[in-house]
């Protein structure tokens, strides 16, 4: 896949899951806290974790909509 092509929704979900897994497995004493990746800044700020949680919340809201 060339780098200039748009990213598919499936690829975004796969990457978001990897980000969540990194934060879950690397911060065992305090799961879902920053400290699981190279993008973590400070104790309460990680752009990657924020993005992954927002994407998962968006997907969940779509999946749980009443039809």
C-alpha atoms as a PDB file:
ATOM      1  CA  UNK A   1       0.000   0.000   0.000  1.00  0.00           C
ATOM      2  CA  UNK A   2       1.532   3.349  -1.013  1.00  0.00           C
ATOM      3  CA  UNK A   3       1.994   5.804   1.812  1.00  0.00           C
ATOM      4  CA  UNK A   4      -0.220   8.493   0.251  1.00  0.00           C
ATOM      5  CA  UNK A   5      -3.358   6.338   0.180  1.00  0.00           C
ATOM      6  CA  UNK A   6      -6.002   6.954   2.841  1.00  0.00           C
ATOM      7  CA  UNK A   7      -5.998   4.663   5.855  1.00  0.00           C
ATOM      8  CA  UNK A   8      -8.932   2.267   6.084  1.00  0.00           C
ATOM      9  CA  UNK A   9     -11.203   2.085   9.123  1.00  0.00           C
ATOM     10  CA  UNK A  10      -9.992  -1.458   9.805  1.00  0.00           C
ATOM     11  CA  UNK A  11      -6.374  -0.302   9.884  1.00  0.00           C
ATOM     12  CA  UNK A  12      -7.262   2.526  12.272  1.00  0.00           C
ATOM     13  CA  UNK A  13      -9.014   0.069  14.598  1.00  0.00           C
ATOM     14  CA  UNK A  14      -6.043  -2.298  14.489  1.00  0.00           C
ATOM     15  CA  UNK A  15      -3.626   0.510  15.387  1.00  0.00           C
ATOM     16  CA  UNK A  16      -5.932   1.787  18.151  1.00  0.00           C
ATOM     17  CA  UNK A  17      -6.072  -1.689  19.680  1.00  0.00           C
ATOM     18  CA  UNK A  18      -2.281  -1.912  19.648  1.00  0.00           C
ATOM     19  CA  UNK A  19      -2.053   1.456  21.419  1.00  0.00           C
ATOM     20  CA  UNK A  20      -4.559   0.315  24.048  1.00  0.00           C
ATOM     21  CA  UNK A  21      -2.697  -2.981  24.493  1.00  0.00           C
ATOM     22  CA  UNK A  22       0.596  -1.142  24.951  1.00  0.00           C
ATOM     23  CA  UNK A  23      -0.863   1.013  27.707  1.00  0.00           C
ATOM     24  CA  UNK A  24      -2.582  -1.930  29.369  1.00  0.00           C
ATOM     25  CA  UNK A  25       0.408  -4.259  29.389  1.00  0.00           C
ATOM     26  CA  UNK A  26       3.194  -1.791  30.124  1.00  0.00           C
ATOM     27  CA  UNK A  27       1.549   0.075  32.971  1.00  0.00           C
ATOM     28  CA  UNK A  28       0.551  -2.941  35.042  1.00  0.00           C
ATOM     29  CA  UNK A  29       0.446  -1.201  38.399  1.00  0.00           C
ATOM     30  CA  UNK A  30      -1.873   1.483  36.985  1.00  0.00           C
ATOM     31  CA  UNK A  31      -3.621   0.164  33.844  1.00  0.00           C
ATOM     32  CA  UNK A  32      -4.900   2.645  31.257  1.00  0.00           C
ATOM     33  CA  UNK A  33      -2.516   5.315  32.528  1.00  0.00           C
ATOM     34  CA  UNK A  34       0.222   6.947  30.521  1.00  0.00           C
ATOM     35  CA  UNK A  35       3.574   5.244  30.447  1.00  0.00           C
ATOM     36  CA  UNK A  36       2.947   2.590  27.838  1.00  0.00           C
ATOM     37  CA  UNK A  37       4.400   4.257  24.766  1.00  0.00           C
ATOM     38  CA  UNK A  38       6.976   6.708  23.490  1.00  0.00           C
ATOM     39  CA  UNK A  39       4.347   9.453  23.022  1.00  0.00           C
ATOM     40  CA  UNK A  40       3.429   9.685  26.717  1.00  0.00           C
ATOM     41  CA  UNK A  41       4.027  13.158  28.139  1.00  0.00           C
ATOM     42  CA  UNK A  42       3.777  13.681  31.853  1.00  0.00           C
ATOM     43  CA  UNK A  43       1.612  11.623  34.179  1.00  0.00           C
ATOM     44  CA  UNK A  44      -1.791  12.302  32.633  1.00  0.00           C
ATOM     45  CA  UNK A  45      -1.232  13.145  28.986  1.00  0.00           C
ATOM     46  CA  UNK A  46      -0.720  10.816  26.041  1.00  0.00           C
ATOM     47  CA  UNK A  47      -1.931  11.871  22.586  1.00  0.00           C
ATOM     48  CA  UNK A  48      -1.928   8.289  21.291  1.00  0.00           C
ATOM     49  CA  UNK A  49      -3.986   6.955  24.202  1.00  0.00           C
ATOM     50  CA  UNK A  50      -6.438   9.856  23.884  1.00  0.00           C
ATOM     51  CA  UNK A  51      -6.805   9.187  20.145  1.00  0.00           C
ATOM     52  CA  UNK A  52      -7.289   5.435  20.634  1.00  0.00           C
ATOM     53  CA  UNK A  53      -9.912   5.894  23.360  1.00  0.00           C
ATOM     54  CA  UNK A  54     -11.780   8.475  21.271  1.00  0.00           C
ATOM     55  CA  UNK A  55     -11.764   6.178  18.230  1.00  0.00           C
ATOM     56  CA  UNK A  56     -13.012   3.208  20.256  1.00  0.00           C
ATOM     57  CA  UNK A  57     -15.747   5.354  21.821  1.00  0.00           C
ATOM     58  CA  UNK A  58     -16.831   6.487  18.355  1.00  0.00           C
ATOM     59  CA  UNK A  59     -16.942   2.911  17.068  1.00  0.00           C
ATOM     60  CA  UNK A  60     -18.872   1.756  20.142  1.00  0.00           C
ATOM     61  CA  UNK A  61     -21.410   4.551  19.746  1.00  0.00           C
ATOM     62  CA  UNK A  62     -22.015   3.553  16.132  1.00  0.00           C
ATOM     63  CA  UNK A  63     -22.301  -0.132  16.989  1.00  0.00           C
ATOM     64  CA  UNK A  64     -24.721   0.473  19.862  1.00  0.00           C
ATOM     65  CA  UNK A  65     -27.091   2.841  18.067  1.00  0.00           C
ATOM     66  CA  UNK A  66     -30.723   1.863  17.986  1.00  0.00           C
ATOM     67  CA  UNK A  67     -31.880   1.015  14.538  1.00  0.00           C
END
